[in-house]
């Protein structure tokens, strides 16, 4: 087990999820159903499943496309999205 990679992944996902629509939805569901452990279980399983999809897709993409190409496309996508956000087109 590569503990450094596990810790970095934990930290990035943890901070990316803070205050996003998933967290707000789980707060709303907890208030609505008053069943915090059931909501936690459902949300945790859902996040685990979506993470599994991401890891599986990422492994497949890594076998088909070079890491340098992935970084380049991701960088260009972030620049384009940032520019669109700045000019109010998104």
PDB file of N, CA and C in Angstrom:
ATOM      1  N   UNK A   1       0.852  -1.187   0.000  1.00  0.00           N
ATOM      2  CA  UNK A   1       0.000   0.000   0.000  1.00  0.00           C
ATOM      3  C   UNK A   1       0.885   1.233   0.000  1.00  0.00           C
ATOM      4  N   UNK A   2       0.587   2.135  -0.907  1.00  0.00           N
ATOM      5  CA  UNK A   2       1.308   3.406  -0.983  1.00  0.00           C
ATOM      6  C   UNK A   2       0.554   4.411  -0.112  1.00  0.00           C
ATOM      7  N   UNK A   3       1.009   4.572   1.139  1.00  0.00           N
ATOM      8  CA  UNK A   3       0.306   5.410   2.114  1.00  0.00           C
ATOM      9  C   UNK A   3       0.330   6.880   1.747  1.00  0.00           C
ATOM     10  N   UNK A   4       1.405   7.336   1.106  1.00  0.00           N
ATOM     11  CA  UNK A   4       1.471   8.746   0.708  1.00  0.00           C
ATOM     12  C   UNK A   4       0.380   9.049  -0.316  1.00  0.00           C
ATOM     13  N   UNK A   5       0.225   8.176  -1.305  1.00  0.00           N
ATOM     14  CA  UNK A   5      -0.821   8.363  -2.310  1.00  0.00           C
ATOM     15  C   UNK A   5      -2.203   8.299  -1.672  1.00  0.00           C
ATOM     16  N   UNK A   6      -2.388   7.375  -0.737  1.00  0.00           N
ATOM     17  CA  UNK A   6      -3.674   7.253  -0.048  1.00  0.00           C
ATOM     18  C   UNK A   6      -3.983   8.528   0.731  1.00  0.00           C
ATOM     19  N   UNK A   7      -2.997   9.087   1.419  1.00  0.00           N
ATOM     20  CA  UNK A   7      -3.216  10.304   2.201  1.00  0.00           C
ATOM     21  C   UNK A   7      -3.514  11.499   1.296  1.00  0.00           C
ATOM     22  N   UNK A   8      -2.752  11.639   0.213  1.00  0.00           N
ATOM     23  CA  UNK A   8      -2.981  12.749  -0.715  1.00  0.00           C
ATOM     24  C   UNK A   8      -4.376  12.643  -1.330  1.00  0.00           C
ATOM     25  N   UNK A   9      -4.772  11.424  -1.709  1.00  0.00           N
ATOM     26  CA  UNK A   9      -6.110  11.216  -2.268  1.00  0.00           C
ATOM     27  C   UNK A   9      -7.177  11.574  -1.247  1.00  0.00           C
ATOM     28  N   UNK A  10      -7.005  11.114  -0.013  1.00  0.00           N
ATOM     29  CA  UNK A  10      -7.959  11.446   1.045  1.00  0.00           C
ATOM     30  C   UNK A  10      -8.090  12.951   1.205  1.00  0.00           C
ATOM     31  N   UNK A  11      -6.964  13.636   1.309  1.00  0.00           N
ATOM     32  CA  UNK A  11      -6.980  15.081   1.543  1.00  0.00           C
ATOM     33  C   UNK A  11      -7.655  15.822   0.387  1.00  0.00           C
ATOM     34  N   UNK A  12      -7.320  15.465  -0.855  1.00  0.00           N
ATOM     35  CA  UNK A  12      -7.906  16.155  -1.997  1.00  0.00           C
ATOM     36  C   UNK A  12      -9.412  15.914  -2.091  1.00  0.00           C
ATOM     37  N   UNK A  13      -9.840  14.668  -1.922  1.00  0.00           N
ATOM     38  CA  UNK A  13     -11.276  14.375  -1.998  1.00  0.00           C
ATOM     39  C   UNK A  13     -12.005  15.007  -0.823  1.00  0.00           C
ATOM     40  N   UNK A  14     -11.423  14.940   0.361  1.00  0.00           N
ATOM     41  CA  UNK A  14     -12.060  15.517   1.541  1.00  0.00           C
ATOM     42  C   UNK A  14     -12.312  17.006   1.355  1.00  0.00           C
ATOM     43  N   UNK A  15     -11.284  17.746   0.961  1.00  0.00           N
ATOM     44  CA  UNK A  15     -11.446  19.190   0.811  1.00  0.00           C
ATOM     45  C   UNK A  15     -12.291  19.551  -0.407  1.00  0.00           C
ATOM     46  N   UNK A  16     -12.249  18.733  -1.465  1.00  0.00           N
ATOM     47  CA  UNK A  16     -13.084  18.998  -2.637  1.00  0.00           C
ATOM     48  C   UNK A  16     -14.562  18.804  -2.314  1.00  0.00           C
ATOM     49  N   UNK A  17     -14.873  17.894  -1.402  1.00  0.00           N
ATOM     50  CA  UNK A  17     -16.264  17.598  -1.067  1.00  0.00           C
ATOM     51  C   UNK A  17     -16.855  18.557  -0.033  1.00  0.00           C
ATOM     52  N   UNK A  18     -16.020  19.281   0.702  1.00  0.00           N
ATOM     53  CA  UNK A  18     -16.543  20.202   1.714  1.00  0.00           C
ATOM     54  C   UNK A  18     -17.374  21.296   1.065  1.00  0.00           C
ATOM     55  N   UNK A  19     -18.602  21.434   1.528  1.00  0.00           N
ATOM     56  CA  UNK A  19     -19.450  22.519   1.059  1.00  0.00           C
ATOM     57  C   UNK A  19     -20.007  22.350  -0.337  1.00  0.00           C
ATOM     58  N   UNK A  20     -19.819  21.188  -0.947  1.00  0.00           N
ATOM     59  CA  UNK A  20     -20.375  21.011  -2.286  1.00  0.00           C
ATOM     60  C   UNK A  20     -21.813  20.513  -2.206  1.00  0.00           C
ATOM     61  N   UNK A  21     -22.427  20.325  -3.341  1.00  0.00           N
ATOM     62  CA  UNK A  21     -23.843  19.951  -3.362  1.00  0.00           C
ATOM     63  C   UNK A  21     -24.102  18.599  -2.716  1.00  0.00           C
ATOM     64  N   UNK A  22     -23.126  17.695  -2.734  1.00  0.00           N
ATOM     65  CA  UNK A  22     -23.310  16.399  -2.075  1.00  0.00           C
ATOM     66  C   UNK A  22     -23.430  16.575  -0.566  1.00  0.00           C
ATOM     67  N   UNK A  23     -22.575  17.388   0.012  1.00  0.00           N
ATOM     68  CA  UNK A  23     -22.637  17.614   1.456  1.00  0.00           C
ATOM     69  C   UNK A  23     -23.926  18.337   1.831  1.00  0.00           C
ATOM     70  N   UNK A  24     -24.318  19.307   1.045  1.00  0.00           N
ATOM     71  CA  UNK A  24     -25.561  20.016   1.319  1.00  0.00           C
ATOM     72  C   UNK A  24     -26.766  19.079   1.204  1.00  0.00           C
ATOM     73  N   UNK A  25     -26.721  18.179   0.238  1.00  0.00           N
ATOM     74  CA  UNK A  25     -27.807  17.213   0.078  1.00  0.00           C
ATOM     75  C   UNK A  25     -27.880  16.260   1.265  1.00  0.00           C
ATOM     76  N   UNK A  26     -26.740  15.790   1.744  1.00  0.00           N
ATOM     77  CA  UNK A  26     -26.772  14.886   2.897  1.00  0.00           C
ATOM     78  C   UNK A  26     -27.262  15.613   4.142  1.00  0.00           C
ATOM     79  N   UNK A  27     -26.928  16.880   4.282  1.00  0.00           N
ATOM     80  CA  UNK A  27     -27.444  17.649   5.415  1.00  0.00           C
ATOM     81  C   UNK A  27     -28.962  17.783   5.324  1.00  0.00           C
ATOM     82  N   UNK A  28     -29.467  18.050   4.118  1.00  0.00           N
ATOM     83  CA  UNK A  28     -30.907  18.181   3.910  1.00  0.00           C
ATOM     84  C   UNK A  28     -31.618  16.850   4.181  1.00  0.00           C
ATOM     85  N   UNK A  29     -31.055  15.763   3.696  1.00  0.00           N
ATOM     86  CA  UNK A  29     -31.664  14.449   3.910  1.00  0.00           C
ATOM     87  C   UNK A  29     -31.670  14.077   5.387  1.00  0.00           C
ATOM     88  N   UNK A  30     -30.593  14.407   6.098  1.00  0.00           N
ATOM     89  CA  UNK A  30     -30.548  14.124   7.529  1.00  0.00           C
ATOM     90  C   UNK A  30     -31.627  14.911   8.261  1.00  0.00           C
ATOM     91  N   UNK A  31     -31.801  16.168   7.901  1.00  0.00           N
ATOM     92  CA  UNK A  31     -32.838  16.983   8.542  1.00  0.00           C
ATOM     93  C   UNK A  31     -34.235  16.480   8.181  1.00  0.00           C
ATOM     94  N   UNK A  32     -34.413  16.049   6.942  1.00  0.00           N
ATOM     95  CA  UNK A  32     -35.736  15.602   6.490  1.00  0.00           C
ATOM     96  C   UNK A  32     -36.132  14.265   7.124  1.00  0.00           C
ATOM     97  N   UNK A  33     -35.221  13.296   7.119  1.00  0.00           N
ATOM     98  CA  UNK A  33     -35.566  11.950   7.577  1.00  0.00           C
ATOM     99  C   UNK A  33     -35.197  11.693   9.037  1.00  0.00           C
ATOM    100  N   UNK A  34     -34.395  12.561   9.601  1.00  0.00           N
ATOM    101  CA  UNK A  34     -33.948  12.407  10.989  1.00  0.00           C
ATOM    102  C   UNK A  34     -33.385  11.002  11.243  1.00  0.00           C
ATOM    103  N   UNK A  35     -32.600  10.553  10.291  1.00  0.00           N
ATOM    104  CA  UNK A  35     -31.962   9.236  10.372  1.00  0.00           C
ATOM    105  C   UNK A  35     -30.503   9.389   9.935  1.00  0.00           C
ATOM    106  N   UNK A  36     -29.681  10.030  10.782  1.00  0.00           N
ATOM    107  CA  UNK A  36     -28.318  10.366  10.364  1.00  0.00           C
ATOM    108  C   UNK A  36     -27.477   9.154   9.962  1.00  0.00           C
ATOM    109  N   UNK A  37     -27.607   8.030  10.656  1.00  0.00           N
ATOM    110  CA  UNK A  37     -26.779   6.874  10.311  1.00  0.00           C
ATOM    111  C   UNK A  37     -27.196   6.257   8.986  1.00  0.00           C
ATOM    112  N   UNK A  38     -28.486   6.253   8.693  1.00  0.00           N
ATOM    113  CA  UNK A  38     -28.959   5.735   7.408  1.00  0.00           C
ATOM    114  C   UNK A  38     -28.488   6.641   6.261  1.00  0.00           C
ATOM    115  N   UNK A  39     -28.576   7.956   6.466  1.00  0.00           N
ATOM    116  CA  UNK A  39     -28.099   8.895   5.448  1.00  0.00           C
ATOM    117  C   UNK A  39     -26.596   8.751   5.268  1.00  0.00           C
ATOM    118  N   UNK A  40     -25.863   8.626   6.381  1.00  0.00           N
ATOM    119  CA  UNK A  40     -24.409   8.452   6.294  1.00  0.00           C
ATOM    120  C   UNK A  40     -24.070   7.191   5.513  1.00  0.00           C
ATOM    121  N   UNK A  41     -24.735   6.089   5.815  1.00  0.00           N
ATOM    122  CA  UNK A  41     -24.455   4.830   5.128  1.00  0.00           C
ATOM    123  C   UNK A  41     -24.734   4.965   3.631  1.00  0.00           C
ATOM    124  N   UNK A  42     -25.890   5.523   3.291  1.00  0.00           N
ATOM    125  CA  UNK A  42     -26.218   5.703   1.881  1.00  0.00           C
ATOM    126  C   UNK A  42     -25.229   6.599   1.156  1.00  0.00           C
ATOM    127  N   UNK A  43     -24.865   7.713   1.796  1.00  0.00           N
ATOM    128  CA  UNK A  43     -23.918   8.646   1.170  1.00  0.00           C
ATOM    129  C   UNK A  43     -22.528   8.026   1.043  1.00  0.00           C
ATOM    130  N   UNK A  44     -22.098   7.300   2.069  1.00  0.00           N
ATOM    131  CA  UNK A  44     -20.766   6.679   2.041  1.00  0.00           C
ATOM    132  C   UNK A  44     -20.681   5.618   0.946  1.00  0.00           C
ATOM    133  N   UNK A  45     -21.720   4.794   0.828  1.00  0.00           N
ATOM    134  CA  UNK A  45     -21.723   3.763  -0.210  1.00  0.00           C
ATOM    135  C   UNK A  45     -21.760   4.412  -1.595  1.00  0.00           C
ATOM    136  N   UNK A  46     -22.554   5.467  -1.752  1.00  0.00           N
ATOM    137  CA  UNK A  46     -22.623   6.163  -3.037  1.00  0.00           C
ATOM    138  C   UNK A  46     -21.269   6.762  -3.418  1.00  0.00           C
ATOM    139  N   UNK A  47     -20.595   7.406  -2.454  1.00  0.00           N
ATOM    140  CA  UNK A  47     -19.284   7.988  -2.740  1.00  0.00           C
ATOM    141  C   UNK A  47     -18.268   6.903  -3.074  1.00  0.00           C
ATOM    142  N   UNK A  48     -18.345   5.779  -2.366  1.00  0.00           N
ATOM    143  CA  UNK A  48     -17.434   4.663  -2.659  1.00  0.00           C
ATOM    144  C   UNK A  48     -17.674   4.136  -4.075  1.00  0.00           C
ATOM    145  N   UNK A  49     -18.935   4.017  -4.477  1.00  0.00           N
ATOM    146  CA  UNK A  49     -19.253   3.514  -5.818  1.00  0.00           C
ATOM    147  C   UNK A  49     -18.784   4.481  -6.908  1.00  0.00           C
ATOM    148  N   UNK A  50     -19.011   5.771  -6.712  1.00  0.00           N
ATOM    149  CA  UNK A  50     -18.559   6.737  -7.719  1.00  0.00           C
ATOM    150  C   UNK A  50     -17.037   6.800  -7.768  1.00  0.00           C
ATOM    151  N   UNK A  51     -16.392   6.623  -6.622  1.00  0.00           N
ATOM    152  CA  UNK A  51     -14.929   6.587  -6.607  1.00  0.00           C
ATOM    153  C   UNK A  51     -14.421   5.356  -7.345  1.00  0.00           C
ATOM    154  N   UNK A  52     -15.099   4.215  -7.167  1.00  0.00           N
ATOM    155  CA  UNK A  52     -14.726   2.994  -7.887  1.00  0.00           C
ATOM    156  C   UNK A  52     -14.843   3.206  -9.391  1.00  0.00           C
ATOM    157  N   UNK A  53     -15.917   3.867  -9.816  1.00  0.00           N
ATOM    158  CA  UNK A  53     -16.058   4.169 -11.245  1.00  0.00           C
ATOM    159  C   UNK A  53     -14.909   5.058 -11.735  1.00  0.00           C
ATOM    160  N   UNK A  54     -14.572   6.071 -10.933  1.00  0.00           N
ATOM    161  CA  UNK A  54     -13.482   6.966 -11.314  1.00  0.00           C
ATOM    162  C   UNK A  54     -12.146   6.252 -11.411  1.00  0.00           C
ATOM    163  N   UNK A  55     -11.869   5.388 -10.442  1.00  0.00           N
ATOM    164  CA  UNK A  55     -10.607   4.638 -10.444  1.00  0.00           C
ATOM    165  C   UNK A  55     -10.566   3.666 -11.631  1.00  0.00           C
ATOM    166  N   UNK A  56     -11.672   2.988 -11.871  1.00  0.00           N
ATOM    167  CA  UNK A  56     -11.737   2.026 -12.979  1.00  0.00           C
ATOM    168  C   UNK A  56     -11.557   2.737 -14.318  1.00  0.00           C
ATOM    169  N   UNK A  57     -12.285   3.839 -14.508  1.00  0.00           N
ATOM    170  CA  UNK A  57     -12.153   4.597 -15.749  1.00  0.00           C
ATOM    171  C   UNK A  57     -10.751   5.190 -15.886  1.00  0.00           C
ATOM    172  N   UNK A  58     -10.214   5.701 -14.781  1.00  0.00           N
ATOM    173  CA  UNK A  58      -8.867   6.271 -14.805  1.00  0.00           C
ATOM    174  C   UNK A  58      -7.809   5.247 -15.166  1.00  0.00           C
ATOM    175  N   UNK A  59      -7.942   4.030 -14.662  1.00  0.00           N
ATOM    176  CA  UNK A  59      -6.989   2.964 -14.990  1.00  0.00           C
ATOM    177  C   UNK A  59      -7.080   2.610 -16.472  1.00  0.00           C
ATOM    178  N   UNK A  60      -8.317   2.552 -16.994  1.00  0.00           N
ATOM    179  CA  UNK A  60      -8.500   2.240 -18.411  1.00  0.00           C
ATOM    180  C   UNK A  60      -7.894   3.341 -19.285  1.00  0.00           C
ATOM    181  N   UNK A  61      -8.195   4.599 -18.945  1.00  0.00           N
ATOM    182  CA  UNK A  61      -7.653   5.723 -19.720  1.00  0.00           C
ATOM    183  C   UNK A  61      -6.135   5.712 -19.676  1.00  0.00           C
ATOM    184  N   UNK A  62      -5.562   5.386 -18.529  1.00  0.00           N
ATOM    185  CA  UNK A  62      -4.108   5.350 -18.379  1.00  0.00           C
ATOM    186  C   UNK A  62      -3.470   4.301 -19.290  1.00  0.00           C
ATOM    187  N   UNK A  63      -4.191   3.239 -19.580  1.00  0.00           N
ATOM    188  CA  UNK A  63      -3.664   2.202 -20.472  1.00  0.00           C
ATOM    189  C   UNK A  63      -3.766   2.600 -21.937  1.00  0.00           C
ATOM    190  N   UNK A  64      -4.706   3.499 -22.260  1.00  0.00           N
ATOM    191  CA  UNK A  64      -4.959   3.870 -23.645  1.00  0.00           C
ATOM    192  C   UNK A  64      -4.266   5.176 -24.025  1.00  0.00           C
ATOM    193  N   UNK A  65      -4.191   6.116 -23.084  1.00  0.00           N
ATOM    194  CA  UNK A  65      -3.664   7.452 -23.356  1.00  0.00           C
ATOM    195  C   UNK A  65      -2.472   7.711 -22.436  1.00  0.00           C
ATOM    196  N   UNK A  66      -1.466   8.394 -22.949  1.00  0.00           N
ATOM    197  CA  UNK A  66      -0.287   8.677 -22.133  1.00  0.00           C
ATOM    198  C   UNK A  66      -0.617   9.693 -21.037  1.00  0.00           C
ATOM    199  N   UNK A  67       0.060   9.579 -19.883  1.00  0.00           N
ATOM    200  CA  UNK A  67      -0.168  10.547 -18.805  1.00  0.00           C
ATOM    201  C   UNK A  67       0.097  11.992 -19.231  1.00  0.00           C
ATOM    202  N   UNK A  68       1.072  12.201 -20.089  1.00  0.00           N
ATOM    203  CA  UNK A  68       1.361  13.564 -20.560  1.00  0.00           C
ATOM    204  C   UNK A  68       0.182  14.132 -21.351  1.00  0.00           C
ATOM    205  N   UNK A  69      -0.443  13.306 -22.169  1.00  0.00           N
ATOM    206  CA  UNK A  69      -1.604  13.758 -22.941  1.00  0.00           C
ATOM    207  C   UNK A  69      -2.777  14.059 -22.012  1.00  0.00           C
ATOM    208  N   UNK A  70      -2.967  13.230 -20.996  1.00  0.00           N
ATOM    209  CA  UNK A  70      -4.048  13.459 -20.032  1.00  0.00           C
ATOM    210  C   UNK A  70      -3.840  14.783 -19.309  1.00  0.00           C
ATOM    211  N   UNK A  71      -2.610  15.044 -18.848  1.00  0.00           N
ATOM    212  CA  UNK A  71      -2.311  16.307 -18.174  1.00  0.00           C
ATOM    213  C   UNK A  71      -2.529  17.492 -19.114  1.00  0.00           C
ATOM    214  N   UNK A  72      -2.129  17.353 -20.366  1.00  0.00           N
ATOM    215  CA  UNK A  72      -2.301  18.442 -21.332  1.00  0.00           C
ATOM    216  C   UNK A  72      -3.761  18.748 -21.589  1.00  0.00           C
ATOM    217  N   UNK A  73      -4.558  17.715 -21.824  1.00  0.00           N
ATOM    218  CA  UNK A  73      -5.990  17.912 -22.077  1.00  0.00           C
ATOM    219  C   UNK A  73      -6.669  18.494 -20.835  1.00  0.00           C
ATOM    220  N   UNK A  74      -6.323  17.976 -19.659  1.00  0.00           N
ATOM    221  CA  UNK A  74      -6.922  18.492 -18.418  1.00  0.00           C
ATOM    222  C   UNK A  74      -6.544  19.958 -18.216  1.00  0.00           C
ATOM    223  N   UNK A  75      -5.299  20.299 -18.464  1.00  0.00           N
ATOM    224  CA  UNK A  75      -4.857  21.688 -18.317  1.00  0.00           C
ATOM    225  C   UNK A  75      -5.591  22.619 -19.259  1.00  0.00           C
ATOM    226  N   UNK A  76      -5.722  22.213 -20.509  1.00  0.00           N
ATOM    227  CA  UNK A  76      -6.443  23.030 -21.490  1.00  0.00           C
ATOM    228  C   UNK A  76      -7.909  23.170 -21.096  1.00  0.00           C
ATOM    229  N   UNK A  77      -8.518  22.068 -20.635  1.00  0.00           N
ATOM    230  CA  UNK A  77      -9.928  22.109 -20.225  1.00  0.00           C
ATOM    231  C   UNK A  77     -10.134  23.087 -19.071  1.00  0.00           C
ATOM    232  N   UNK A  78      -9.235  23.069 -18.078  1.00  0.00           N
ATOM    233  CA  UNK A  78      -9.357  23.988 -16.950  1.00  0.00           C
ATOM    234  C   UNK A  78      -9.178  25.441 -17.398  1.00  0.00           C
ATOM    235  N   UNK A  79      -8.264  25.683 -18.310  1.00  0.00           N
ATOM    236  CA  UNK A  79      -8.057  27.047 -18.812  1.00  0.00           C
ATOM    237  C   UNK A  79      -9.295  27.533 -19.564  1.00  0.00           C
ATOM    238  N   UNK A  80      -9.847  26.675 -20.421  1.00  0.00           N
ATOM    239  CA  UNK A  80     -11.045  27.048 -21.186  1.00  0.00           C
ATOM    240  C   UNK A  80     -12.220  27.301 -20.242  1.00  0.00           C
ATOM    241  N   UNK A  81     -12.430  26.397 -19.276  1.00  0.00           N
ATOM    242  CA  UNK A  81     -13.532  26.588 -18.328  1.00  0.00           C
ATOM    243  C   UNK A  81     -13.340  27.856 -17.507  1.00  0.00           C
ATOM    244  N   UNK A  82     -12.121  28.116 -17.071  1.00  0.00           N
ATOM    245  CA  UNK A  82     -11.834  29.340 -16.320  1.00  0.00           C
ATOM    246  C   UNK A  82     -12.107  30.586 -17.138  1.00  0.00           C
ATOM    247  N   UNK A  83     -11.710  30.565 -18.401  1.00  0.00           N
ATOM    248  CA  UNK A  83     -11.951  31.712 -19.268  1.00  0.00           C
ATOM    249  C   UNK A  83     -13.448  31.925 -19.483  1.00  0.00           C
ATOM    250  N   UNK A  84     -14.181  30.828 -19.683  1.00  0.00           N
ATOM    251  CA  UNK A  84     -15.631  30.941 -19.870  1.00  0.00           C
ATOM    252  C   UNK A  84     -16.306  31.472 -18.607  1.00  0.00           C
ATOM    253  N   UNK A  85     -15.827  31.061 -17.467  1.00  0.00           N
ATOM    254  CA  UNK A  85     -16.394  31.574 -16.209  1.00  0.00           C
ATOM    255  C   UNK A  85     -16.095  33.067 -16.059  1.00  0.00           C
ATOM    256  N   UNK A  86     -14.897  33.477 -16.446  1.00  0.00           N
ATOM    257  CA  UNK A  86     -14.534  34.888 -16.323  1.00  0.00           C
ATOM    258  C   UNK A  86     -15.377  35.784 -17.216  1.00  0.00           C
ATOM    259  N   UNK A  87     -15.686  35.322 -18.416  1.00  0.00           N
ATOM    260  CA  UNK A  87     -16.452  36.168 -19.328  1.00  0.00           C
ATOM    261  C   UNK A  87     -17.959  35.970 -19.183  1.00  0.00           C
ATOM    262  N   UNK A  88     -18.361  35.105 -18.264  1.00  0.00           N
ATOM    263  CA  UNK A  88     -19.775  34.924 -17.978  1.00  0.00           C
ATOM    264  C   UNK A  88     -20.529  34.067 -18.968  1.00  0.00           C
ATOM    265  N   UNK A  89     -19.835  33.223 -19.689  1.00  0.00           N
ATOM    266  CA  UNK A  89     -20.488  32.358 -20.680  1.00  0.00           C
ATOM    267  C   UNK A  89     -20.829  30.973 -20.136  1.00  0.00           C
ATOM    268  N   UNK A  90     -20.535  30.738 -18.881  1.00  0.00           N
ATOM    269  CA  UNK A  90     -20.798  29.418 -18.314  1.00  0.00           C
ATOM    270  C   UNK A  90     -21.568  29.539 -17.030  1.00  0.00           C
TER     271      UNK A  90
END
